[in-house]
C-alpha atoms as a PDB file:
ATOM      1  CA  UNK A   1     105.144 154.201  92.582  1.00  0.00           C
ATOM      2  CA  UNK A   2     106.869 157.008  94.401  1.00  0.00           C
ATOM      3  CA  UNK A   3     110.274 156.600  96.041  1.00  0.00           C
ATOM      4  CA  UNK A   4     108.676 156.555  99.496  1.00  0.00           C
ATOM      5  CA  UNK A   5     106.135 153.854  98.461  1.00  0.00           C
ATOM      6  CA  UNK A   6     108.952 151.806  96.892  1.00  0.00           C
ATOM      7  CA  UNK A   7     111.087 152.156 100.061  1.00  0.00           C
ATOM      8  CA  UNK A   8     108.137 151.050 102.198  1.00  0.00           C
ATOM      9  CA  UNK A   9     107.417 148.120  99.881  1.00  0.00           C
ATOM     10  CA  UNK A  10     110.990 146.886 100.189  1.00  0.00           C
ATOM     11  CA  UNK A  11     111.168 147.553 103.916  1.00  0.00           C
ATOM     12  CA  UNK A  12     108.091 145.398 104.516  1.00  0.00           C
ATOM     13  CA  UNK A  13     109.618 142.442 102.747  1.00  0.00           C
ATOM     14  CA  UNK A  14     113.220 142.818 103.969  1.00  0.00           C
ATOM     15  CA  UNK A  15     114.505 139.814 105.769  1.00  0.00           C
ATOM     16  CA  UNK A  16     111.243 137.828 105.135  1.00  0.00           C
ATOM     17  CA  UNK A  17     110.541 134.857 102.936  1.00  0.00           C
ATOM     18  CA  UNK A  18     108.949 137.333 100.528  1.00  0.00           C
ATOM     19  CA  UNK A  19     112.210 139.270 100.009  1.00  0.00           C
ATOM     20  CA  UNK A  20     113.277 139.454  96.376  1.00  0.00           C
ATOM     21  CA  UNK A  21     116.701 138.836  94.876  1.00  0.00           C
ATOM     22  CA  UNK A  22     118.444 141.557  92.889  1.00  0.00           C
ATOM     23  CA  UNK A  23     121.374 141.347  90.435  1.00  0.00           C
ATOM     24  CA  UNK A  24     123.307 144.579  90.866  1.00  0.00           C
ATOM     25  CA  UNK A  25     126.708 145.993  89.798  1.00  0.00           C
ATOM     26  CA  UNK A  26     129.413 145.300  92.411  1.00  0.00           C
ATOM     27  CA  UNK A  27     133.017 146.366  93.025  1.00  0.00           C
ATOM     28  CA  UNK A  28     135.419 146.593  90.082  1.00  0.00           C
ATOM     29  CA  UNK A  29     133.161 145.319  87.344  1.00  0.00           C
ATOM     30  CA  UNK A  30     131.804 142.352  89.219  1.00  0.00           C
ATOM     31  CA  UNK A  31     128.114 141.571  89.807  1.00  0.00           C
ATOM     32  CA  UNK A  32     126.326 140.673  93.040  1.00  0.00           C
ATOM     33  CA  UNK A  33     123.174 138.868  93.965  1.00  0.00           C
ATOM     34  CA  UNK A  34     121.558 140.618  96.934  1.00  0.00           C
ATOM     35  CA  UNK A  35     118.478 139.707  98.944  1.00  0.00           C
ATOM     36  CA  UNK A  36     116.316 142.626  99.992  1.00  0.00           C
ATOM     37  CA  UNK A  37     117.090 143.822 103.486  1.00  0.00           C
ATOM     38  CA  UNK A  38     120.489 142.029 103.652  1.00  0.00           C
ATOM     39  CA  UNK A  39     123.660 144.159 103.239  1.00  0.00           C
ATOM     40  CA  UNK A  40     126.033 141.341 102.319  1.00  0.00           C
ATOM     41  CA  UNK A  41     125.591 139.837  98.866  1.00  0.00           C
ATOM     42  CA  UNK A  42     124.413 136.226  98.605  1.00  0.00           C
ATOM     43  CA  UNK A  43     127.261 135.859  96.094  1.00  0.00           C
ATOM     44  CA  UNK A  44     129.419 137.813  93.649  1.00  0.00           C
ATOM     45  CA  UNK A  45     130.483 136.804  90.182  1.00  0.00           C
ATOM     46  CA  UNK A  46     132.745 138.026  87.365  1.00  0.00           C
ATOM     47  CA  UNK A  47     129.863 138.060  84.888  1.00  0.00           C
ATOM     48  CA  UNK A  48     126.309 139.384  84.900  1.00  0.00           C
ATOM     49  CA  UNK A  49     125.039 136.164  83.270  1.00  0.00           C
ATOM     50  CA  UNK A  50     126.337 134.046  86.183  1.00  0.00           C
ATOM     51  CA  UNK A  51     124.682 136.416  88.681  1.00  0.00           C
ATOM     52  CA  UNK A  52     121.443 136.295  86.768  1.00  0.00           C
ATOM     53  CA  UNK A  53     121.376 132.468  86.773  1.00  0.00           C
ATOM     54  CA  UNK A  54     122.085 132.401  90.526  1.00  0.00           C
ATOM     55  CA  UNK A  55     119.397 135.020  91.294  1.00  0.00           C
ATOM     56  CA  UNK A  56     116.850 133.126  89.285  1.00  0.00           C
ATOM     57  CA  UNK A  57     117.761 129.885  90.988  1.00  0.00           C
ATOM     58  CA  UNK A  58     117.445 131.458  94.467  1.00  0.00           C
ATOM     59  CA  UNK A  59     114.172 133.171  93.612  1.00  0.00           C
ATOM     60  CA  UNK A  60     112.712 129.978  92.203  1.00  0.00           C
ATOM     61  CA  UNK A  61     113.687 128.026  95.356  1.00  0.00           C
ATOM     62  CA  UNK A  62     112.169 130.728  97.558  1.00  0.00           C
ATOM     63  CA  UNK A  63     109.022 131.254  95.448  1.00  0.00           C
ATOM     64  CA  UNK A  64     109.723 134.928  95.035  1.00  0.00           C
ATOM     65  CA  UNK A  65     111.096 137.269  92.349  1.00  0.00           C
ATOM     66  CA  UNK A  66     114.464 138.104  90.750  1.00  0.00           C
ATOM     67  CA  UNK A  67     115.161 141.638  89.537  1.00  0.00           C
ATOM     68  CA  UNK A  68     117.963 142.255  87.069  1.00  0.00           C
ATOM     69  CA  UNK A  69     119.506 145.664  87.124  1.00  0.00           C
ATOM     70  CA  UNK A  70     121.740 147.296  84.490  1.00  0.00           C
ATOM     71  CA  UNK A  71     125.099 148.972  85.071  1.00  0.00           C
ATOM     72  CA  UNK A  72     123.314 152.214  86.107  1.00  0.00           C
ATOM     73  CA  UNK A  73     121.221 150.388  88.707  1.00  0.00           C
ATOM     74  CA  UNK A  74     117.917 150.577  86.770  1.00  0.00           C
ATOM     75  CA  UNK A  75     115.814 147.436  86.621  1.00  0.00           C
ATOM     76  CA  UNK A  76     116.145 145.790  83.163  1.00  0.00           C
ATOM     77  CA  UNK A  77     113.954 142.765  83.744  1.00  0.00           C
ATOM     78  CA  UNK A  78     112.210 140.670  86.349  1.00  0.00           C
ATOM     79  CA  UNK A  79     111.489 136.977  86.796  1.00  0.00           C
ATOM     80  CA  UNK A  80     108.480 135.973  88.785  1.00  0.00           C
ATOM     81  CA  UNK A  81     108.497 132.601  90.629  1.00  0.00           C
ATOM     82  CA  UNK A  82     105.727 133.392  93.094  1.00  0.00           C
ATOM     83  CA  UNK A  83     103.180 130.659  93.554  1.00  0.00           C
END
């Protein structure tokens, strides 16, 4: 998938019930759970494992996916809760 295709994919889902949740590095060593298309994090935590658990919980409730990024921003893993 090209960068343009990926940007369009996320743009189409932003702010919808299909938006995915992402665990990403945040300020000063913290981690954030962000929903696609929303600038403000759903939450921030001191540890990546806490952020992962919260992202998985939110994705499961929403019937969508959780993407787990590494410190460099690359996707490490994904959890699919789509029906």
